[in-house]
Protein backbone atom coordinates (compact mmCIF):
# COMPACT_ATOMS: atom_id res chain seq x y z
CA MET A 1 15.85 -7.14 -11.24
CA ASN A 2 15.01 -9.89 -8.80
CA GLN A 3 12.30 -12.21 -10.17
CA ALA A 4 10.41 -12.09 -6.86
CA ASN A 5 10.15 -8.30 -7.16
CA LEU A 6 8.54 -8.65 -10.58
CA GLN A 7 6.10 -11.20 -9.20
CA LEU A 8 5.20 -8.89 -6.32
CA GLU A 9 4.67 -6.00 -8.74
CA GLY A 10 2.26 -8.15 -10.73
CA LEU A 11 0.47 -9.33 -7.61
CA LEU A 12 0.01 -5.79 -6.31
CA MET A 13 -1.39 -4.58 -9.62
CA ALA A 14 -3.73 -7.59 -9.72
CA VAL A 15 -5.00 -6.82 -6.21
CA ALA A 16 -5.48 -3.17 -7.21
CA ALA A 17 -7.56 -4.30 -10.18
CA LEU A 18 -9.62 -6.63 -7.98
CA ASN A 19 -10.25 -3.83 -5.50
CA ARG A 20 -11.41 -1.59 -8.33
CA MET A 21 -13.69 -4.37 -9.63
CA LEU A 22 -15.30 -4.73 -6.18
CA VAL A 23 -16.05 -1.01 -6.22
CA GLU A 24 -17.35 -1.06 -9.80
CA LYS A 25 -19.70 -3.97 -9.04
CA GLY A 26 -21.00 -2.20 -5.95
CA LEU A 27 -19.74 -4.90 -3.59
CA ALA A 28 -17.64 -2.35 -1.72
CA THR A 29 -17.07 1.37 -1.88
CA ALA A 30 -13.72 3.00 -2.44
CA GLN A 31 -14.04 4.18 1.16
CA ASP A 32 -14.55 0.57 2.34
CA VAL A 33 -11.39 -0.53 0.55
CA ASP A 34 -9.45 2.46 1.88
CA MET A 35 -10.63 1.78 5.44
CA ALA A 36 -9.60 -1.88 5.22
CA LEU A 37 -6.16 -0.87 3.95
CA ARG A 38 -5.82 1.83 6.63
CA ARG A 39 -6.62 -0.76 9.30
CA ALA A 40 -4.02 -3.14 7.92
CA GLU A 41 -1.41 -0.38 7.96
CA ALA A 42 -2.41 0.67 11.49
CA ARG A 43 -1.90 -2.90 12.72
CA ILE A 44 1.62 -2.87 11.34
CA THR A 45 2.55 0.57 12.60
CA SER A 46 1.09 0.00 16.06
CA ASP A 47 2.80 -3.36 16.50
CA ASP A 48 4.77 -3.47 19.76
CA ARG A 49 7.84 -4.69 17.87
CA PHE A 50 8.18 -1.21 16.39
CA GLN A 51 7.72 0.57 19.71
CA ASP A 52 10.69 -1.34 21.12
CA GLU A 53 12.59 -0.75 17.86
CA ASP A 54 13.20 -4.48 17.35
CA ILE A 55 12.37 -3.82 13.70
CA ALA A 56 13.91 -0.81 11.97
CA LEU A 57 11.66 1.95 10.68
CA ALA A 58 12.86 1.18 7.15
CA ASN A 59 11.60 -2.39 7.56
CA ARG A 60 8.26 -1.10 8.80
CA ASP A 61 8.06 1.09 5.71
CA ALA A 62 8.87 -1.92 3.56
CA MET A 63 5.96 -3.80 5.18
CA CYS A 64 3.62 -0.83 4.66
CA PHE A 65 4.69 -0.16 1.05
CA PRO A 66 2.20 -2.58 -0.59
CA ILE A 67 -0.66 -1.21 1.51
CA ARG A 68 0.24 2.37 0.67
CA LEU A 69 0.52 1.52 -3.01
CA LEU A 70 -2.90 -0.15 -2.99
CA ARG A 71 -4.42 2.85 -1.22
CA LEU A 72 -3.08 5.13 -3.95
CA ALA A 73 -4.35 2.79 -6.67
CA ASN A 74 -7.74 2.72 -4.92
CA GLY A 75 -8.02 6.49 -5.34
CA ASP A 76 -7.45 6.24 -9.08
CA GLU A 77 -10.59 5.75 -11.14
CA ASP A 78 -8.73 3.55 -13.62
CA CYS A 79 -5.85 1.91 -11.73
CA ALA A 80 -4.80 0.15 -14.94
CA ALA A 81 -3.93 3.56 -16.40
CA VAL A 82 -1.34 4.16 -13.68
CA GLY A 83 1.65 1.87 -13.75
CA PHE A 84 3.44 0.29 -10.83
CA SER A 85 6.44 2.60 -11.10
CA ASP A 86 4.22 5.70 -10.98
CA LEU A 87 2.40 4.41 -7.91
CA ALA A 88 5.68 3.41 -6.24
CA ARG A 89 7.10 6.87 -6.89
CA GLN A 90 4.01 8.46 -5.32
CA VAL A 91 4.38 6.25 -2.25
CA GLY A 92 7.99 7.39 -1.90
CA LEU A 93 7.10 11.04 -2.33
CA SER A 94 4.34 10.83 0.30
CA LYS A 95 6.52 9.15 2.95
CA ARG A 96 7.36 11.32 5.93
CA PRO A 97 10.96 11.55 7.19
CA TYR A 98 11.72 8.97 9.89
CA ASN A 99 12.00 11.52 12.67
CA ASP A 100 8.36 12.58 11.98
CA GLN A 101 6.86 9.09 11.88
CA ARG A 102 6.20 8.36 15.54
């Protein structure tokens, strides 16, 4: 496996743990974290580059993958109990077919 992929996996799981810590300490709610992640995804999916199809839908999905993974981890009470591969699988299973994504 590419070393960069392993580093990104670690980074995503670290961010998920930090998000959970913010919620546990009362600095943010799970809904706050989810809303921030939804906004980030909306910015990507509403980008004009995608409307003109300069960037393929698969590339848009690749850009949204980390956000979607973090949203799933945010919904888990103990994100450390769910591994990266389980979260990644859930992201893949929840993705709509390309012809339904516009």
